[in-house]
Amino acid sequence: VTDLLQLAESLVGLGYGNDKRLTNTLDIIREKQNENGQWLKEYDYAGKTWFDFGKMKQPNEWVTLRALRVLKALN
């Protein structure tokens, strides 16, 4: 089970953050940030993990943290 953010985390972590092939993915992540600087939970991990990560389509601190880490690693 994976999502776009998880793939970006992996590739940026491996040093591919400046690879032009990742540009569209990073743009999608940036576009999903809301006006309050948060990201919504868009993927449901129900039944795939031992605990709940929050409500769907609501601002989520874990998704926000992960997205910010990806974007910060690019600087």
PDB file of N, CA and C in Angstrom:
ATOM      1  N   VAL A   1       0.847  -1.160   0.000  1.00  0.00           N
ATOM      2  CA  VAL A   1       0.000   0.000   0.000  1.00  0.00           C
ATOM      3  C   VAL A   1       0.900   1.232   0.000  1.00  0.00           C
ATOM      4  N   THR A   2       0.675   2.113  -0.958  1.00  0.00           N
ATOM      5  CA  THR A   2       1.460   3.349  -1.024  1.00  0.00           C
ATOM      6  C   THR A   2       0.609   4.459  -1.621  1.00  0.00           C
ATOM      7  N   ASP A   3       1.073   5.667  -1.474  1.00  0.00           N
ATOM      8  CA  ASP A   3       0.395   6.806  -2.067  1.00  0.00           C
ATOM      9  C   ASP A   3       1.439   7.748  -2.654  1.00  0.00           C
ATOM     10  N   LEU A   4       1.000   8.781  -3.313  1.00  0.00           N
ATOM     11  CA  LEU A   4       1.893   9.715  -3.989  1.00  0.00           C
ATOM     12  C   LEU A   4       2.864  10.377  -3.017  1.00  0.00           C
ATOM     13  N   LEU A   5       2.371  10.745  -1.853  1.00  0.00           N
ATOM     14  CA  LEU A   5       3.222  11.390  -0.860  1.00  0.00           C
ATOM     15  C   LEU A   5       4.308  10.437  -0.371  1.00  0.00           C
ATOM     16  N   GLN A   6       3.951   9.188  -0.171  1.00  0.00           N
ATOM     17  CA  GLN A   6       4.937   8.206   0.279  1.00  0.00           C
ATOM     18  C   GLN A   6       6.014   7.993  -0.780  1.00  0.00           C
ATOM     19  N   LEU A   7       5.625   7.947  -2.025  1.00  0.00           N
ATOM     20  CA  LEU A   7       6.616   7.811  -3.102  1.00  0.00           C
ATOM     21  C   LEU A   7       7.540   9.022  -3.140  1.00  0.00           C
ATOM     22  N   ALA A   8       6.975  10.214  -2.982  1.00  0.00           N
ATOM     23  CA  ALA A   8       7.792  11.434  -2.969  1.00  0.00           C
ATOM     24  C   ALA A   8       8.745  11.424  -1.782  1.00  0.00           C
ATOM     25  N   GLU A   9       8.269  10.987  -0.617  1.00  0.00           N
ATOM     26  CA  GLU A   9       9.132  10.895   0.565  1.00  0.00           C
ATOM     27  C   GLU A   9      10.333   9.996   0.275  1.00  0.00           C
ATOM     28  N   SER A  10      10.079   8.873  -0.326  1.00  0.00           N
ATOM     29  CA  SER A  10      11.153   7.926  -0.621  1.00  0.00           C
ATOM     30  C   SER A  10      12.149   8.488  -1.611  1.00  0.00           C
ATOM     31  N   LEU A  11      11.655   9.045  -2.703  1.00  0.00           N
ATOM     32  CA  LEU A  11      12.550   9.559  -3.742  1.00  0.00           C
ATOM     33  C   LEU A  11      13.346  10.771  -3.265  1.00  0.00           C
ATOM     34  N   VAL A  12      12.702  11.667  -2.542  1.00  0.00           N
ATOM     35  CA  VAL A  12      13.417  12.830  -2.003  1.00  0.00           C
ATOM     36  C   VAL A  12      14.448  12.365  -0.978  1.00  0.00           C
ATOM     37  N   GLY A  13      14.078  11.398  -0.155  1.00  0.00           N
ATOM     38  CA  GLY A  13      14.996  10.851   0.828  1.00  0.00           C
ATOM     39  C   GLY A  13      16.221  10.197   0.200  1.00  0.00           C
ATOM     40  N   LEU A  14      16.049   9.680  -0.985  1.00  0.00           N
ATOM     41  CA  LEU A  14      17.166   9.061  -1.712  1.00  0.00           C
ATOM     42  C   LEU A  14      17.983  10.074  -2.503  1.00  0.00           C
ATOM     43  N   GLY A  15      17.582  11.353  -2.438  1.00  0.00           N
ATOM     44  CA  GLY A  15      18.345  12.397  -3.107  1.00  0.00           C
ATOM     45  C   GLY A  15      17.862  12.782  -4.490  1.00  0.00           C
ATOM     46  N   TYR A  16      16.667  12.352  -4.866  1.00  0.00           N
ATOM     47  CA  TYR A  16      16.136  12.648  -6.194  1.00  0.00           C
ATOM     48  C   TYR A  16      15.163  13.829  -6.207  1.00  0.00           C
ATOM     49  N   GLY A  17      15.178  14.652  -5.177  1.00  0.00           N
ATOM     50  CA  GLY A  17      14.253  15.771  -5.086  1.00  0.00           C
ATOM     51  C   GLY A  17      14.376  16.774  -6.210  1.00  0.00           C
ATOM     52  N   ASN A  18      15.552  16.911  -6.776  1.00  0.00           N
ATOM     53  CA  ASN A  18      15.762  17.868  -7.866  1.00  0.00           C
ATOM     54  C   ASN A  18      15.653  17.230  -9.249  1.00  0.00           C
ATOM     55  N   ASP A  19      15.301  15.968  -9.302  1.00  0.00           N
ATOM     56  CA  ASP A  19      15.121  15.283 -10.582  1.00  0.00           C
ATOM     57  C   ASP A  19      13.877  15.853 -11.269  1.00  0.00           C
ATOM     58  N   LYS A  20      14.020  16.264 -12.505  1.00  0.00           N
ATOM     59  CA  LYS A  20      12.907  16.892 -13.237  1.00  0.00           C
ATOM     60  C   LYS A  20      11.699  15.972 -13.369  1.00  0.00           C
ATOM     61  N   ARG A  21      11.912  14.675 -13.328  1.00  0.00           N
ATOM     62  CA  ARG A  21      10.794  13.732 -13.446  1.00  0.00           C
ATOM     63  C   ARG A  21       9.894  13.762 -12.214  1.00  0.00           C
ATOM     64  N   LEU A  22      10.362  14.343 -11.139  1.00  0.00           N
ATOM     65  CA  LEU A  22       9.577  14.440  -9.908  1.00  0.00           C
ATOM     66  C   LEU A  22       8.818  15.765  -9.808  1.00  0.00           C
ATOM     67  N   THR A  23       9.040  16.660 -10.745  1.00  0.00           N
ATOM     68  CA  THR A  23       8.433  17.996 -10.717  1.00  0.00           C
ATOM     69  C   THR A  23       6.917  17.954 -10.607  1.00  0.00           C
ATOM     70  N   ASN A  24       6.258  17.168 -11.436  1.00  0.00           N
ATOM     71  CA  ASN A  24       4.787  17.115 -11.406  1.00  0.00           C
ATOM     72  C   ASN A  24       4.271  16.592 -10.076  1.00  0.00           C
ATOM     73  N   THR A  25       4.944  15.609  -9.524  1.00  0.00           N
ATOM     74  CA  THR A  25       4.546  15.054  -8.235  1.00  0.00           C
ATOM     75  C   THR A  25       4.646  16.110  -7.140  1.00  0.00           C
ATOM     76  N   LEU A  26       5.733  16.836  -7.116  1.00  0.00           N
ATOM     77  CA  LEU A  26       5.920  17.878  -6.107  1.00  0.00           C
ATOM     78  C   LEU A  26       4.924  19.017  -6.300  1.00  0.00           C
ATOM     79  N   ASP A  27       4.605  19.332  -7.538  1.00  0.00           N
ATOM     80  CA  ASP A  27       3.581  20.351  -7.812  1.00  0.00           C
ATOM     81  C   ASP A  27       2.220  19.922  -7.263  1.00  0.00           C
ATOM     82  N   ILE A  28       1.877  18.650  -7.437  1.00  0.00           N
ATOM     83  CA  ILE A  28       0.604  18.138  -6.924  1.00  0.00           C
ATOM     84  C   ILE A  28       0.567  18.261  -5.405  1.00  0.00           C
ATOM     85  N   ILE A  29       1.672  17.916  -4.757  1.00  0.00           N
ATOM     86  CA  ILE A  29       1.732  18.016  -3.298  1.00  0.00           C
ATOM     87  C   ILE A  29       1.555  19.466  -2.863  1.00  0.00           C
ATOM     88  N   ARG A  30       2.234  20.392  -3.520  1.00  0.00           N
ATOM     89  CA  ARG A  30       2.100  21.820  -3.177  1.00  0.00           C
ATOM     90  C   ARG A  30       0.672  22.314  -3.386  1.00  0.00           C
ATOM     91  N   GLU A  31       0.032  21.894  -4.469  1.00  0.00           N
ATOM     92  CA  GLU A  31      -1.320  22.346  -4.792  1.00  0.00           C
ATOM     93  C   GLU A  31      -2.356  21.853  -3.782  1.00  0.00           C
ATOM     94  N   LYS A  32      -2.079  20.764  -3.102  1.00  0.00           N
ATOM     95  CA  LYS A  32      -3.031  20.208  -2.152  1.00  0.00           C
ATOM     96  C   LYS A  32      -2.995  20.907  -0.787  1.00  0.00           C
ATOM     97  N   GLN A  33      -2.039  21.794  -0.582  1.00  0.00           N
ATOM     98  CA  GLN A  33      -1.972  22.533   0.673  1.00  0.00           C
ATOM     99  C   GLN A  33      -3.140  23.515   0.729  1.00  0.00           C
ATOM    100  N   ASN A  34      -3.847  23.540   1.852  1.00  0.00           N
ATOM    101  CA  ASN A  34      -4.991  24.448   1.947  1.00  0.00           C
ATOM    102  C   ASN A  34      -4.549  25.843   2.382  1.00  0.00           C
ATOM    103  N   GLU A  35      -5.507  26.738   2.523  1.00  0.00           N
ATOM    104  CA  GLU A  35      -5.211  28.141   2.848  1.00  0.00           C
ATOM    105  C   GLU A  35      -4.618  28.310   4.248  1.00  0.00           C
ATOM    106  N   ASN A  36      -4.774  27.297   5.094  1.00  0.00           N
ATOM    107  CA  ASN A  36      -4.210  27.341   6.444  1.00  0.00           C
ATOM    108  C   ASN A  36      -2.851  26.646   6.537  1.00  0.00           C
ATOM    109  N   GLY A  37      -2.321  26.231   5.393  1.00  0.00           N
ATOM    110  CA  GLY A  37      -1.022  25.573   5.372  1.00  0.00           C
ATOM    111  C   GLY A  37      -1.074  24.103   5.734  1.00  0.00           C
ATOM    112  N   GLN A  38      -2.247  23.500   5.661  1.00  0.00           N
ATOM    113  CA  GLN A  38      -2.424  22.098   6.021  1.00  0.00           C
ATOM    114  C   GLN A  38      -2.746  21.257   4.794  1.00  0.00           C
ATOM    115  N   TRP A  39      -2.580  19.949   4.960  1.00  0.00           N
ATOM    116  CA  TRP A  39      -2.978  19.001   3.939  1.00  0.00           C
ATOM    117  C   TRP A  39      -4.070  18.118   4.513  1.00  0.00           C
ATOM    118  N   LEU A  40      -4.998  17.699   3.660  1.00  0.00           N
ATOM    119  CA  LEU A  40      -6.097  16.842   4.086  1.00  0.00           C
ATOM    120  C   LEU A  40      -5.699  15.378   3.974  1.00  0.00           C
ATOM    121  N   LYS A  41      -6.345  14.560   4.777  1.00  0.00           N
ATOM    122  CA  LYS A  41      -6.173  13.116   4.652  1.00  0.00           C
ATOM    123  C   LYS A  41      -7.029  12.668   3.474  1.00  0.00           C
ATOM    124  N   GLU A  42      -6.377  12.137   2.449  1.00  0.00           N
ATOM    125  CA  GLU A  42      -7.091  11.718   1.242  1.00  0.00           C
ATOM    126  C   GLU A  42      -7.026  10.221   1.003  1.00  0.00           C
ATOM    127  N   TYR A  43      -6.223   9.521   1.780  1.00  0.00           N
ATOM    128  CA  TYR A  43      -6.094   8.076   1.603  1.00  0.00           C
ATOM    129  C   TYR A  43      -6.483   7.395   2.897  1.00  0.00           C
ATOM    130  N   ASP A  44      -7.277   6.356   2.807  1.00  0.00           N
ATOM    131  CA  ASP A  44      -7.755   5.660   3.994  1.00  0.00           C
ATOM    132  C   ASP A  44      -6.915   4.423   4.272  1.00  0.00           C
ATOM    133  N   TYR A  45      -6.265   4.420   5.402  1.00  0.00           N
ATOM    134  CA  TYR A  45      -5.455   3.278   5.813  1.00  0.00           C
ATOM    135  C   TYR A  45      -6.235   2.307   6.697  1.00  0.00           C
ATOM    136  N   ALA A  46      -7.548   2.471   6.781  1.00  0.00           N
ATOM    137  CA  ALA A  46      -8.380   1.626   7.638  1.00  0.00           C
ATOM    138  C   ALA A  46      -8.157   0.148   7.298  1.00  0.00           C
ATOM    139  N   GLY A  47      -7.902  -0.636   8.326  1.00  0.00           N
ATOM    140  CA  GLY A  47      -7.685  -2.063   8.140  1.00  0.00           C
ATOM    141  C   GLY A  47      -6.270  -2.407   7.715  1.00  0.00           C
ATOM    142  N   LYS A  48      -5.446  -1.406   7.439  1.00  0.00           N
ATOM    143  CA  LYS A  48      -4.072  -1.638   6.987  1.00  0.00           C
ATOM    144  C   LYS A  48      -3.063  -1.295   8.082  1.00  0.00           C
ATOM    145  N   THR A  49      -3.528  -0.608   9.126  1.00  0.00           N
ATOM    146  CA  THR A  49      -2.668  -0.230  10.246  1.00  0.00           C
ATOM    147  C   THR A  49      -3.384  -0.550  11.556  1.00  0.00           C
ATOM    148  N   TRP A  50      -2.676  -0.423  12.645  1.00  0.00           N
ATOM    149  CA  TRP A  50      -3.236  -0.752  13.956  1.00  0.00           C
ATOM    150  C   TRP A  50      -4.032   0.390  14.567  1.00  0.00           C
ATOM    151  N   PHE A  51      -3.927   1.583  14.002  1.00  0.00           N
ATOM    152  CA  PHE A  51      -4.663   2.713  14.572  1.00  0.00           C
ATOM    153  C   PHE A  51      -5.145   3.631  13.466  1.00  0.00           C
ATOM    154  N   ASP A  52      -6.034   4.535  13.823  1.00  0.00           N
ATOM    155  CA  ASP A  52      -6.651   5.450  12.875  1.00  0.00           C
ATOM    156  C   ASP A  52      -5.810   6.729  12.753  1.00  0.00           C
ATOM    157  N   PHE A  53      -5.647   7.203  11.555  1.00  0.00           N
ATOM    158  CA  PHE A  53      -4.872   8.414  11.306  1.00  0.00           C
ATOM    159  C   PHE A  53      -5.733   9.656  11.177  1.00  0.00           C
ATOM    160  N   GLY A  54      -7.007   9.576  11.464  1.00  0.00           N
ATOM    161  CA  GLY A  54      -7.885  10.735  11.378  1.00  0.00           C
ATOM    162  C   GLY A  54      -8.996  10.542  10.365  1.00  0.00           C
ATOM    163  N   LYS A  55      -9.818  11.559  10.271  1.00  0.00           N
ATOM    164  CA  LYS A  55     -10.979  11.500   9.380  1.00  0.00           C
ATOM    165  C   LYS A  55     -10.601  11.894   7.961  1.00  0.00           C
ATOM    166  N   MET A  56     -11.268  11.244   7.023  1.00  0.00           N
ATOM    167  CA  MET A  56     -11.049  11.531   5.603  1.00  0.00           C
ATOM    168  C   MET A  56     -11.496  12.949   5.261  1.00  0.00           C
ATOM    169  N   LYS A  57     -10.786  13.559   4.335  1.00  0.00           N
ATOM    170  CA  LYS A  57     -11.104  14.891   3.796  1.00  0.00           C
ATOM    171  C   LYS A  57     -11.054  15.984   4.855  1.00  0.00           C
ATOM    172  N   GLN A  58     -10.319  15.743   5.936  1.00  0.00           N
ATOM    173  CA  GLN A  58     -10.137  16.720   7.004  1.00  0.00           C
ATOM    174  C   GLN A  58      -8.652  17.050   7.117  1.00  0.00           C
ATOM    175  N   PRO A  59      -8.307  18.265   7.563  1.00  0.00           N
ATOM    176  CA  PRO A  59      -6.894  18.574   7.786  1.00  0.00           C
ATOM    177  C   PRO A  59      -6.286  17.533   8.722  1.00  0.00           C
ATOM    178  N   ASN A  60      -5.082  17.100   8.385  1.00  0.00           N
ATOM    179  CA  ASN A  60      -4.460  16.016   9.138  1.00  0.00           C
ATOM    180  C   ASN A  60      -3.020  16.364   9.471  1.00  0.00           C
ATOM    181  N   GLU A  61      -2.695  16.295  10.761  1.00  0.00           N
ATOM    182  CA  GLU A  61      -1.353  16.682  11.186  1.00  0.00           C
ATOM    183  C   GLU A  61      -0.271  15.746  10.651  1.00  0.00           C
ATOM    184  N   TRP A  62      -0.596  14.479  10.471  1.00  0.00           N
ATOM    185  CA  TRP A  62       0.412  13.540   9.973  1.00  0.00           C
ATOM    186  C   TRP A  62       0.696  13.767   8.494  1.00  0.00           C
ATOM    187  N   VAL A  63      -0.334  13.976   7.714  1.00  0.00           N
ATOM    188  CA  VAL A  63      -0.142  14.251   6.293  1.00  0.00           C
ATOM    189  C   VAL A  63       0.592  15.579   6.128  1.00  0.00           C
ATOM    190  N   THR A  64       0.217  16.577   6.924  1.00  0.00           N
ATOM    191  CA  THR A  64       0.877  17.883   6.867  1.00  0.00           C
ATOM    192  C   THR A  64       2.353  17.755   7.215  1.00  0.00           C
ATOM    193  N   LEU A  65       2.665  17.023   8.266  1.00  0.00           N
ATOM    194  CA  LEU A  65       4.060  16.818   8.658  1.00  0.00           C
ATOM    195  C   LEU A  65       4.856  16.151   7.544  1.00  0.00           C
ATOM    196  N   ARG A  66       4.296  15.121   6.948  1.00  0.00           N
ATOM    197  CA  ARG A  66       4.992  14.401   5.879  1.00  0.00           C
ATOM    198  C   ARG A  66       5.212  15.295   4.664  1.00  0.00           C
ATOM    199  N   ALA A  67       4.191  16.061   4.281  1.00  0.00           N
ATOM    200  CA  ALA A  67       4.318  16.944   3.116  1.00  0.00           C
ATOM    201  C   ALA A  67       5.361  18.026   3.377  1.00  0.00           C
ATOM    202  N   LEU A  68       5.338  18.606   4.559  1.00  0.00           N
ATOM    203  CA  LEU A  68       6.313  19.640   4.881  1.00  0.00           C
ATOM    204  C   LEU A  68       7.735  19.099   4.899  1.00  0.00           C
ATOM    205  N   ARG A  69       7.912  17.888   5.382  1.00  0.00           N
ATOM    206  CA  ARG A  69       9.249  17.264   5.365  1.00  0.00           C
ATOM    207  C   ARG A  69       9.766  17.079   3.937  1.00  0.00           C
ATOM    208  N   VAL A  70       8.886  16.656   3.059  1.00  0.00           N
ATOM    209  CA  VAL A  70       9.289  16.481   1.653  1.00  0.00           C
ATOM    210  C   VAL A  70       9.708  17.823   1.064  1.00  0.00           C
ATOM    211  N   LEU A  71       8.886  18.843   1.246  1.00  0.00           N
ATOM    212  CA  LEU A  71       9.178  20.149   0.660  1.00  0.00           C
ATOM    213  C   LEU A  71      10.393  20.791   1.292  1.00  0.00           C
ATOM    214  N   LYS A  72      10.596  20.608   2.590  1.00  0.00           N
ATOM    215  CA  LYS A  72      11.759  21.176   3.258  1.00  0.00           C
ATOM    216  C   LYS A  72      13.045  20.524   2.760  1.00  0.00           C
ATOM    217  N   ALA A  73      13.000  19.255   2.476  1.00  0.00           N
ATOM    218  CA  ALA A  73      14.187  18.530   2.006  1.00  0.00           C
ATOM    219  C   ALA A  73      14.667  19.026   0.637  1.00  0.00           C
ATOM    220  N   LEU A  74      13.807  19.739  -0.070  1.00  0.00           N
ATOM    221  CA  LEU A  74      14.164  20.247  -1.394  1.00  0.00           C
ATOM    222  C   LEU A  74      15.034  21.491  -1.305  1.00  0.00           C
ATOM    223  N   ASN A  75      15.014  22.175  -0.179  1.00  0.00           N
ATOM    224  CA  ASN A  75      15.759  23.434  -0.018  1.00  0.00           C
ATOM    225  C   ASN A  75      17.204  23.194   0.317  1.00  0.00           C
TER     226      ASN A  75
END
